[in-house]
Amino acid sequence: EIFLSLLYQCSHLDFNLNIENASFLDETWQLP
C-alpha cells in the first residue's frame, strides 16, 4: 500500500522521457 501510494504520486507528475531511444535498455539504464 505504501509503494502503491508512491506510484499514485508518480501518476500525477509529467514525465517527458525519450521512449524511442530504448535499444540500450537490454544492457543498462544509462541513457546514451
Full PDB file with SEQRES, HELIX, SHEET, SSBOND, CRYST1, ORIGX, SCALE, CONECT and MASTER records, all heavy atoms in Angstrom:
SEQRES   1 A   32  GLU ILE PHE LEU SER LEU LEU TYR GLN CYS SER HIS LEU          
SEQRES   2 A   32  ASP PHE ASN LEU ASN ILE GLU ASN ALA SER PHE LEU ASP          
SEQRES   3 A   32  GLU THR TRP GLN LEU PRO                                      
HELIX    1 AA1 ILE A    2  CYS A   10  1                                   9    
HELIX    2 AA2 SER A   23  ASP A   26  5                                   4    
CRYST1    1.000    1.000    1.000  90.00  90.00  90.00 P 1           1          
ORIGX1      1.000000  0.000000  0.000000        0.00000                         
ORIGX2      0.000000  1.000000  0.000000        0.00000                         
ORIGX3      0.000000  0.000000  1.000000        0.00000                         
SCALE1      1.000000  0.000000  0.000000        0.00000                         
SCALE2      0.000000  1.000000  0.000000        0.00000                         
SCALE3      0.000000  0.000000  1.000000        0.00000                         
ATOM      1  N   GLU A   1       0.830  -1.216   0.000  1.00  0.00           N  
ATOM      2  CA  GLU A   1       0.000   0.000   0.000  1.00  0.00           C  
ATOM      3  C   GLU A   1       0.858   1.257   0.000  1.00  0.00           C  
ATOM      4  O   GLU A   1       0.541   2.236  -0.680  1.00  0.00           O  
ATOM      5  CB  GLU A   1      -0.940   0.012   1.211  1.00  0.00           C  
ATOM      6  CG  GLU A   1      -2.103  -0.944   1.103  1.00  0.00           C  
ATOM      7  CD  GLU A   1      -3.131  -0.541   0.055  1.00  0.00           C  
ATOM      8  OE1 GLU A   1      -3.195   0.643  -0.328  1.00  0.00           O  
ATOM      9  OE2 GLU A   1      -3.871  -1.431  -0.387  1.00  0.00           O  
ATOM     10  N   ILE A   2       1.959   1.233   0.755  1.00  0.00           N  
ATOM     11  CA  ILE A   2       2.861   2.389   0.782  1.00  0.00           C  
ATOM     12  C   ILE A   2       3.488   2.596  -0.594  1.00  0.00           C  
ATOM     13  O   ILE A   2       3.535   3.714  -1.115  1.00  0.00           O  
ATOM     14  CB  ILE A   2       3.940   2.202   1.867  1.00  0.00           C  
ATOM     15  CG1 ILE A   2       3.295   2.213   3.252  1.00  0.00           C  
ATOM     16  CG2 ILE A   2       5.016   3.269   1.761  1.00  0.00           C  
ATOM     17  CD1 ILE A   2       4.221   1.779   4.378  1.00  0.00           C  
ATOM     18  N   PHE A   3       3.966   1.511  -1.184  1.00  0.00           N  
ATOM     19  CA  PHE A   3       4.553   1.592  -2.523  1.00  0.00           C  
ATOM     20  C   PHE A   3       3.520   2.071  -3.540  1.00  0.00           C  
ATOM     21  O   PHE A   3       3.812   2.902  -4.398  1.00  0.00           O  
ATOM     22  CB  PHE A   3       5.132   0.232  -2.914  1.00  0.00           C  
ATOM     23  CG  PHE A   3       5.775   0.195  -4.276  1.00  0.00           C  
ATOM     24  CD1 PHE A   3       6.778   1.072  -4.613  1.00  0.00           C  
ATOM     25  CD2 PHE A   3       5.376  -0.745  -5.217  1.00  0.00           C  
ATOM     26  CE1 PHE A   3       7.375   1.035  -5.872  1.00  0.00           C  
ATOM     27  CE2 PHE A   3       5.964  -0.796  -6.466  1.00  0.00           C  
ATOM     28  CZ  PHE A   3       6.961   0.100  -6.792  1.00  0.00           C  
ATOM     29  N   LEU A   4       2.308   1.572  -3.428  1.00  0.00           N  
ATOM     30  CA  LEU A   4       1.246   1.969  -4.341  1.00  0.00           C  
ATOM     31  C   LEU A   4       0.942   3.460  -4.205  1.00  0.00           C  
ATOM     32  O   LEU A   4       0.707   4.140  -5.210  1.00  0.00           O  
ATOM     33  CB  LEU A   4      -0.004   1.130  -4.078  1.00  0.00           C  
ATOM     34  CG  LEU A   4      -1.142   1.226  -5.077  1.00  0.00           C  
ATOM     35  CD1 LEU A   4      -0.674   0.903  -6.491  1.00  0.00           C  
ATOM     36  CD2 LEU A   4      -2.263   0.276  -4.680  1.00  0.00           C  
ATOM     37  N   SER A   5       0.979   3.996  -2.989  1.00  0.00           N  
ATOM     38  CA  SER A   5       0.729   5.432  -2.812  1.00  0.00           C  
ATOM     39  C   SER A   5       1.819   6.264  -3.481  1.00  0.00           C  
ATOM     40  O   SER A   5       1.541   7.331  -4.039  1.00  0.00           O  
ATOM     41  CB  SER A   5       0.620   5.786  -1.330  1.00  0.00           C  
ATOM     42  OG  SER A   5       1.860   5.651  -0.679  1.00  0.00           O  
ATOM     43  N   LEU A   6       3.065   5.776  -3.471  1.00  0.00           N  
ATOM     44  CA  LEU A   6       4.143   6.483  -4.165  1.00  0.00           C  
ATOM     45  C   LEU A   6       3.943   6.429  -5.680  1.00  0.00           C  
ATOM     46  O   LEU A   6       4.205   7.403  -6.389  1.00  0.00           O  
ATOM     47  CB  LEU A   6       5.495   5.895  -3.782  1.00  0.00           C  
ATOM     48  CG  LEU A   6       5.925   6.136  -2.335  1.00  0.00           C  
ATOM     49  CD1 LEU A   6       7.170   5.329  -2.018  1.00  0.00           C  
ATOM     50  CD2 LEU A   6       6.163   7.609  -2.083  1.00  0.00           C  
ATOM     51  N   LEU A   7       3.462   5.288  -6.168  1.00  0.00           N  
ATOM     52  CA  LEU A   7       3.202   5.186  -7.605  1.00  0.00           C  
ATOM     53  C   LEU A   7       2.026   6.065  -8.015  1.00  0.00           C  
ATOM     54  O   LEU A   7       2.011   6.607  -9.124  1.00  0.00           O  
ATOM     55  CB  LEU A   7       2.956   3.723  -7.997  1.00  0.00           C  
ATOM     56  CG  LEU A   7       4.153   2.782  -7.846  1.00  0.00           C  
ATOM     57  CD1 LEU A   7       3.778   1.377  -8.266  1.00  0.00           C  
ATOM     58  CD2 LEU A   7       5.346   3.286  -8.633  1.00  0.00           C  
ATOM     59  N   TYR A   8       1.031   6.203  -7.124  1.00  0.00           N  
ATOM     60  CA  TYR A   8      -0.074   7.133  -7.400  1.00  0.00           C  
ATOM     61  C   TYR A   8       0.459   8.555  -7.526  1.00  0.00           C  
ATOM     62  O   TYR A   8       0.023   9.320  -8.382  1.00  0.00           O  
ATOM     63  CB  TYR A   8      -1.132   7.080  -6.304  1.00  0.00           C  
ATOM     64  CG  TYR A   8      -2.063   5.901  -6.358  1.00  0.00           C  
ATOM     65  CD1 TYR A   8      -2.505   5.302  -5.182  1.00  0.00           C  
ATOM     66  CD2 TYR A   8      -2.516   5.376  -7.557  1.00  0.00           C  
ATOM     67  CE1 TYR A   8      -3.365   4.218  -5.204  1.00  0.00           C  
ATOM     68  CE2 TYR A   8      -3.366   4.295  -7.594  1.00  0.00           C  
ATOM     69  CZ  TYR A   8      -3.793   3.720  -6.415  1.00  0.00           C  
ATOM     70  OH  TYR A   8      -4.643   2.650  -6.444  1.00  0.00           O  
ATOM     71  N   GLN A   9       1.407   8.906  -6.657  1.00  0.00           N  
ATOM     72  CA  GLN A   9       2.005  10.244  -6.740  1.00  0.00           C  
ATOM     73  C   GLN A   9       2.714  10.419  -8.086  1.00  0.00           C  
ATOM     74  O   GLN A   9       2.604  11.472  -8.708  1.00  0.00           O  
ATOM     75  CB  GLN A   9       2.991  10.453  -5.581  1.00  0.00           C  
ATOM     76  CG  GLN A   9       3.709  11.779  -5.603  1.00  0.00           C  
ATOM     77  CD  GLN A   9       2.780  12.957  -5.458  1.00  0.00           C  
ATOM     78  OE1 GLN A   9       1.739  12.876  -4.820  1.00  0.00           O  
ATOM     79  NE2 GLN A   9       3.151  14.067  -6.058  1.00  0.00           N  
ATOM     80  N   CYS A  10       3.404   9.380  -8.544  1.00  0.00           N  
ATOM     81  CA  CYS A  10       4.087   9.454  -9.850  1.00  0.00           C  
ATOM     82  C   CYS A  10       3.086   9.620 -10.987  1.00  0.00           C  
ATOM     83  O   CYS A  10       3.401  10.235 -12.007  1.00  0.00           O  
ATOM     84  CB  CYS A  10       4.921   8.200 -10.082  1.00  0.00           C  
ATOM     85  SG  CYS A  10       6.397   8.111  -9.071  1.00  0.00           S  
ATOM     86  N   SER A  11       1.880   9.083 -10.821  1.00  0.00           N  
ATOM     87  CA  SER A  11       0.888   9.192 -11.893  1.00  0.00           C  
ATOM     88  C   SER A  11       0.329  10.603 -12.024  1.00  0.00           C  
ATOM     89  O   SER A  11      -0.355  10.899 -12.999  1.00  0.00           O  
ATOM     90  CB  SER A  11      -0.250   8.192 -11.676  1.00  0.00           C  
ATOM     91  OG  SER A  11      -1.043   8.585 -10.574  1.00  0.00           O  
ATOM     92  N   HIS A  12       0.631  11.476 -11.076  1.00  0.00           N  
ATOM     93  CA  HIS A  12       0.196  12.875 -11.164  1.00  0.00           C  
ATOM     94  C   HIS A  12       1.295  13.783 -11.709  1.00  0.00           C  
ATOM     95  O   HIS A  12       1.078  14.985 -11.857  1.00  0.00           O  
ATOM     96  CB  HIS A  12      -0.260  13.379  -9.796  1.00  0.00           C  
ATOM     97  CG  HIS A  12      -1.459  12.664  -9.270  1.00  0.00           C  
ATOM     98  ND1 HIS A  12      -2.690  12.712  -9.874  1.00  0.00           N  
ATOM     99  CD2 HIS A  12      -1.606  11.861  -8.193  1.00  0.00           C  
ATOM    100  CE1 HIS A  12      -3.548  11.980  -9.200  1.00  0.00           C  
ATOM    101  NE2 HIS A  12      -2.910  11.438  -8.174  1.00  0.00           N  
ATOM    102  N   LEU A  13       2.460  13.220 -11.992  1.00  0.00           N  
ATOM    103  CA  LEU A  13       3.591  14.008 -12.472  1.00  0.00           C  
ATOM    104  C   LEU A  13       3.721  13.852 -13.982  1.00  0.00           C  
ATOM    105  O   LEU A  13       3.366  12.824 -14.546  1.00  0.00           O  
ATOM    106  CB  LEU A  13       4.886  13.547 -11.794  1.00  0.00           C  
ATOM    107  CG  LEU A  13       4.885  13.525 -10.266  1.00  0.00           C  
ATOM    108  CD1 LEU A  13       6.213  12.988  -9.755  1.00  0.00           C  
ATOM    109  CD2 LEU A  13       4.607  14.907  -9.708  1.00  0.00           C  
ATOM    110  N   ASP A  14       4.264  14.871 -14.618  1.00  0.00           N  
ATOM    111  CA  ASP A  14       4.505  14.829 -16.060  1.00  0.00           C  
ATOM    112  C   ASP A  14       5.948  14.407 -16.321  1.00  0.00           C  
ATOM    113  O   ASP A  14       6.887  15.110 -15.952  1.00  0.00           O  
ATOM    114  CB  ASP A  14       4.249  16.201 -16.691  1.00  0.00           C  
ATOM    115  CG  ASP A  14       2.783  16.567 -16.698  1.00  0.00           C  
ATOM    116  OD1 ASP A  14       1.954  15.658 -16.880  1.00  0.00           O  
ATOM    117  OD2 ASP A  14       2.466  17.755 -16.506  1.00  0.00           O  
ATOM    118  N   PHE A  15       6.102  13.253 -16.944  1.00  0.00           N  
ATOM    119  CA  PHE A  15       7.416  12.740 -17.326  1.00  0.00           C  
ATOM    120  C   PHE A  15       7.562  12.912 -18.831  1.00  0.00           C  
ATOM    121  O   PHE A  15       6.735  12.432 -19.593  1.00  0.00           O  
ATOM    122  CB  PHE A  15       7.557  11.259 -16.965  1.00  0.00           C  
ATOM    123  CG  PHE A  15       7.740  11.003 -15.498  1.00  0.00           C  
ATOM    124  CD1 PHE A  15       6.649  10.878 -14.663  1.00  0.00           C  
ATOM    125  CD2 PHE A  15       9.006  10.885 -14.962  1.00  0.00           C  
ATOM    126  CE1 PHE A  15       6.809  10.638 -13.306  1.00  0.00           C  
ATOM    127  CE2 PHE A  15       9.180  10.644 -13.608  1.00  0.00           C  
ATOM    128  CZ  PHE A  15       8.082  10.523 -12.782  1.00  0.00           C  
ATOM    129  N   ASN A  16       8.612  13.606 -19.241  1.00  0.00           N  
ATOM    130  CA  ASN A  16       8.905  13.795 -20.656  1.00  0.00           C  
ATOM    131  C   ASN A  16      10.159  12.972 -20.967  1.00  0.00           C  
ATOM    132  O   ASN A  16      11.262  13.492 -20.986  1.00  0.00           O  
ATOM    133  CB  ASN A  16       9.119  15.272 -20.971  1.00  0.00           C  
ATOM    134  CG  ASN A  16       9.306  15.514 -22.447  1.00  0.00           C  
ATOM    135  OD1 ASN A  16       8.999  14.665 -23.269  1.00  0.00           O  
ATOM    136  ND2 ASN A  16       9.830  16.679 -22.796  1.00  0.00           N  
ATOM    137  N   LEU A  17       9.965  11.679 -21.198  1.00  0.00           N  
ATOM    138  CA  LEU A  17      11.081  10.766 -21.411  1.00  0.00           C  
ATOM    139  C   LEU A  17      11.159  10.360 -22.878  1.00  0.00           C  
ATOM    140  O   LEU A  17      10.134  10.189 -23.530  1.00  0.00           O  
ATOM    141  CB  LEU A  17      10.902   9.520 -20.535  1.00  0.00           C  
ATOM    142  CG  LEU A  17      10.692   9.776 -19.048  1.00  0.00           C  
ATOM    143  CD1 LEU A  17      10.480   8.455 -18.310  1.00  0.00           C  
ATOM    144  CD2 LEU A  17      11.841  10.539 -18.450  1.00  0.00           C  
ATOM    145  N   ASN A  18      12.369  10.170 -23.357  1.00  0.00           N  
ATOM    146  CA  ASN A  18      12.583   9.746 -24.735  1.00  0.00           C  
ATOM    147  C   ASN A  18      12.396   8.228 -24.791  1.00  0.00           C  
ATOM    148  O   ASN A  18      13.246   7.474 -24.335  1.00  0.00           O  
ATOM    149  CB  ASN A  18      13.983  10.148 -25.195  1.00  0.00           C  
ATOM    150  CG  ASN A  18      14.212   9.848 -26.651  1.00  0.00           C  
ATOM    151  OD1 ASN A  18      13.413   9.184 -27.301  1.00  0.00           O  
ATOM    152  ND2 ASN A  18      15.314  10.337 -27.180  1.00  0.00           N  
ATOM    153  N   ILE A  19      11.293   7.800 -25.349  1.00  0.00           N  
ATOM    154  CA  ILE A  19      10.965   6.376 -25.415  1.00  0.00           C  
ATOM    155  C   ILE A  19      11.555   5.736 -26.673  1.00  0.00           C  
ATOM    156  O   ILE A  19      11.848   4.549 -26.697  1.00  0.00           O  
ATOM    157  CB  ILE A  19       9.434   6.178 -25.365  1.00  0.00           C  
ATOM    158  CG1 ILE A  19       8.855   6.810 -24.107  1.00  0.00           C  
ATOM    159  CG2 ILE A  19       9.051   4.716 -25.445  1.00  0.00           C  
ATOM    160  CD1 ILE A  19       9.405   6.268 -22.809  1.00  0.00           C  
ATOM    161  N   GLU A  20      11.750   6.510 -27.714  1.00  0.00           N  
ATOM    162  CA  GLU A  20      12.272   5.961 -28.972  1.00  0.00           C  
ATOM    163  C   GLU A  20      13.705   5.465 -28.820  1.00  0.00           C  
ATOM    164  O   GLU A  20      14.122   4.530 -29.477  1.00  0.00           O  
ATOM    165  CB  GLU A  20      12.214   7.008 -30.093  1.00  0.00           C  
ATOM    166  CG  GLU A  20      10.811   7.294 -30.592  1.00  0.00           C  
ATOM    167  CD  GLU A  20      10.031   8.209 -29.652  1.00  0.00           C  
ATOM    168  OE1 GLU A  20      10.656   9.054 -28.988  1.00  0.00           O  
ATOM    169  OE2 GLU A  20       8.807   8.053 -29.566  1.00  0.00           O  
ATOM    170  N   ASN A  21      14.474   6.109 -27.961  1.00  0.00           N  
ATOM    171  CA  ASN A  21      15.865   5.736 -27.730  1.00  0.00           C  
ATOM    172  C   ASN A  21      15.889   4.675 -26.638  1.00  0.00           C  
ATOM    173  O   ASN A  21      16.140   4.959 -25.479  1.00  0.00           O  
ATOM    174  CB  ASN A  21      16.655   6.981 -27.315  1.00  0.00           C  
ATOM    175  CG  ASN A  21      18.123   6.726 -27.211  1.00  0.00           C  
ATOM    176  OD1 ASN A  21      18.630   5.705 -27.654  1.00  0.00           O  
ATOM    177  ND2 ASN A  21      18.840   7.663 -26.611  1.00  0.00           N  
ATOM    178  N   ALA A  22      15.625   3.415 -27.006  1.00  0.00           N  
ATOM    179  CA  ALA A  22      15.443   2.369 -25.996  1.00  0.00           C  
ATOM    180  C   ALA A  22      16.316   1.142 -26.199  1.00  0.00           C  
ATOM    181  O   ALA A  22      16.269   0.234 -25.383  1.00  0.00           O  
ATOM    182  CB  ALA A  22      13.975   1.937 -25.984  1.00  0.00           C  
ATOM    183  N   SER A  23      17.103   1.079 -27.237  1.00  0.00           N  
ATOM    184  CA  SER A  23      17.864  -0.145 -27.515  1.00  0.00           C  
ATOM    185  C   SER A  23      18.896  -0.443 -26.432  1.00  0.00           C  
ATOM    186  O   SER A  23      19.302  -1.585 -26.273  1.00  0.00           O  
ATOM    187  CB  SER A  23      18.550  -0.044 -28.871  1.00  0.00           C  
ATOM    188  OG  SER A  23      19.400   1.080 -28.902  1.00  0.00           O  
ATOM    189  N   PHE A  24      19.300   0.530 -25.651  1.00  0.00           N  
ATOM    190  CA  PHE A  24      20.278   0.343 -24.592  1.00  0.00           C  
ATOM    191  C   PHE A  24      19.696  -0.369 -23.372  1.00  0.00           C  
ATOM    192  O   PHE A  24      20.428  -0.879 -22.531  1.00  0.00           O  
ATOM    193  CB  PHE A  24      20.843   1.699 -24.145  1.00  0.00           C  
ATOM    194  CG  PHE A  24      19.808   2.601 -23.530  1.00  0.00           C  
ATOM    195  CD1 PHE A  24      19.670   2.677 -22.153  1.00  0.00           C  
ATOM    196  CD2 PHE A  24      18.979   3.370 -24.325  1.00  0.00           C  
ATOM    197  CE1 PHE A  24      18.709   3.488 -21.580  1.00  0.00           C  
ATOM    198  CE2 PHE A  24      18.017   4.188 -23.766  1.00  0.00           C  
ATOM    199  CZ  PHE A  24      17.882   4.246 -22.383  1.00  0.00           C  
ATOM    200  N   LEU A  25      18.375  -0.425 -23.241  1.00  0.00           N  
ATOM    201  CA  LEU A  25      17.737  -0.947 -22.032  1.00  0.00           C  
ATOM    202  C   LEU A  25      17.956  -2.446 -21.829  1.00  0.00           C  
ATOM    203  O   LEU A  25      17.795  -2.935 -20.709  1.00  0.00           O  
ATOM    204  CB  LEU A  25      16.242  -0.627 -22.054  1.00  0.00           C  
ATOM    205  CG  LEU A  25      15.900   0.848 -21.898  1.00  0.00           C  
ATOM    206  CD1 LEU A  25      14.406   1.075 -22.107  1.00  0.00           C  
ATOM    207  CD2 LEU A  25      16.334   1.378 -20.556  1.00  0.00           C  
ATOM    208  N   ASP A  26      18.319  -3.176 -22.862  1.00  0.00           N  
ATOM    209  CA  ASP A  26      18.641  -4.592 -22.683  1.00  0.00           C  
ATOM    210  C   ASP A  26      19.879  -4.772 -21.800  1.00  0.00           C  
ATOM    211  O   ASP A  26      20.011  -5.774 -21.111  1.00  0.00           O  
ATOM    212  CB  ASP A  26      18.896  -5.274 -24.031  1.00  0.00           C  
ATOM    213  CG  ASP A  26      17.609  -5.558 -24.788  1.00  0.00           C  
ATOM    214  OD1 ASP A  26      16.585  -5.806 -24.127  1.00  0.00           O  
ATOM    215  OD2 ASP A  26      17.639  -5.536 -26.029  1.00  0.00           O  
ATOM    216  N   GLU A  27      20.768  -3.794 -21.834  1.00  0.00           N  
ATOM    217  CA  GLU A  27      22.040  -3.899 -21.122  1.00  0.00           C  
ATOM    218  C   GLU A  27      22.138  -3.011 -19.892  1.00  0.00           C  
ATOM    219  O   GLU A  27      22.686  -3.424 -18.878  1.00  0.00           O  
ATOM    220  CB  GLU A  27      23.202  -3.546 -22.079  1.00  0.00           C  
ATOM    221  CG  GLU A  27      23.283  -4.418 -23.300  1.00  0.00           C  
ATOM    222  CD  GLU A  27      23.557  -5.867 -22.956  1.00  0.00           C  
ATOM    223  OE1 GLU A  27      24.291  -6.124 -21.983  1.00  0.00           O  
ATOM    224  OE2 GLU A  27      23.024  -6.753 -23.650  1.00  0.00           O  
ATOM    225  N   THR A  28      21.639  -1.785 -19.970  1.00  0.00           N  
ATOM    226  CA  THR A  28      21.867  -0.816 -18.902  1.00  0.00           C  
ATOM    227  C   THR A  28      20.746   0.208 -18.844  1.00  0.00           C  
ATOM    228  O   THR A  28      19.983   0.364 -19.802  1.00  0.00           O  
ATOM    229  CB  THR A  28      23.217  -0.093 -19.109  1.00  0.00           C  
ATOM    230  OG1 THR A  28      23.425   0.815 -18.033  1.00  0.00           O  
ATOM    231  CG2 THR A  28      23.236   0.674 -20.417  1.00  0.00           C  
ATOM    232  N   TRP A  29      20.676   0.908 -17.709  1.00  0.00           N  
ATOM    233  CA  TRP A  29      19.746   2.029 -17.567  1.00  0.00           C  
ATOM    234  C   TRP A  29      20.373   3.330 -18.064  1.00  0.00           C  
ATOM    235  O   TRP A  29      19.681   4.326 -18.240  1.00  0.00           O  
ATOM    236  CB  TRP A  29      19.365   2.215 -16.097  1.00  0.00           C  
ATOM    237  CG  TRP A  29      18.264   1.350 -15.608  1.00  0.00           C  
ATOM    238  CD1 TRP A  29      18.381   0.272 -14.786  1.00  0.00           C  
ATOM    239  CD2 TRP A  29      16.865   1.478 -15.870  1.00  0.00           C  
ATOM    240  NE1 TRP A  29      17.153  -0.268 -14.526  1.00  0.00           N  
ATOM    241  CE2 TRP A  29      16.204   0.456 -15.173  1.00  0.00           C  
ATOM    242  CE3 TRP A  29      16.103   2.368 -16.623  1.00  0.00           C  
ATOM    243  CZ2 TRP A  29      14.823   0.292 -15.196  1.00  0.00           C  
ATOM    244  CZ3 TRP A  29      14.733   2.208 -16.652  1.00  0.00           C  
ATOM    245  CH2 TRP A  29      14.102   1.180 -15.954  1.00  0.00           C  
ATOM    246  N   GLN A  30      21.696   3.339 -18.237  1.00  0.00           N  
ATOM    247  CA  GLN A  30      22.400   4.561 -18.627  1.00  0.00           C  
ATOM    248  C   GLN A  30      21.924   5.038 -19.992  1.00  0.00           C  
ATOM    249  O   GLN A  30      22.025   4.305 -20.973  1.00  0.00           O  
ATOM    250  CB  GLN A  30      23.909   4.321 -18.674  1.00  0.00           C  
ATOM    251  CG  GLN A  30      24.532   4.025 -17.337  1.00  0.00           C  
ATOM    252  CD  GLN A  30      24.624   5.259 -16.459  1.00  0.00           C  
ATOM    253  OE1 GLN A  30      24.641   6.384 -16.938  1.00  0.00           O  
ATOM    254  NE2 GLN A  30      24.662   5.036 -15.160  1.00  0.00           N  
ATOM    255  N   LEU A  31      21.419   6.235 -20.054  1.00  0.00           N  
ATOM    256  CA  LEU A  31      20.912   6.795 -21.294  1.00  0.00           C  
ATOM    257  C   LEU A  31      22.073   7.252 -22.178  1.00  0.00           C  
ATOM    258  O   LEU A  31      22.882   8.079 -21.763  1.00  0.00           O  
ATOM    259  CB  LEU A  31      19.988   7.980 -20.995  1.00  0.00           C  
ATOM    260  CG  LEU A  31      19.257   8.614 -22.154  1.00  0.00           C  
ATOM    261  CD1 LEU A  31      18.241   7.632 -22.717  1.00  0.00           C  
ATOM    262  CD2 LEU A  31      18.558   9.875 -21.722  1.00  0.00           C  
ATOM    263  N   PRO A  32      22.207   6.702 -23.370  1.00  0.00           N  
ATOM    264  CA  PRO A  32      23.295   7.140 -24.253  1.00  0.00           C  
ATOM    265  C   PRO A  32      22.982   8.505 -24.852  1.00  0.00           C  
ATOM    266  O   PRO A  32      21.853   8.979 -24.826  1.00  0.00           O  
ATOM    267  CB  PRO A  32      23.313   6.062 -25.345  1.00  0.00           C  
ATOM    268  CG  PRO A  32      21.920   5.549 -25.373  1.00  0.00           C  
ATOM    269  CD  PRO A  32      21.402   5.656 -23.973  1.00  0.00           C  
TER     270      PRO A  32                                                      
MASTER        0    0    0    2    0    0    0    6  269    1    0    3          
END                                                                             
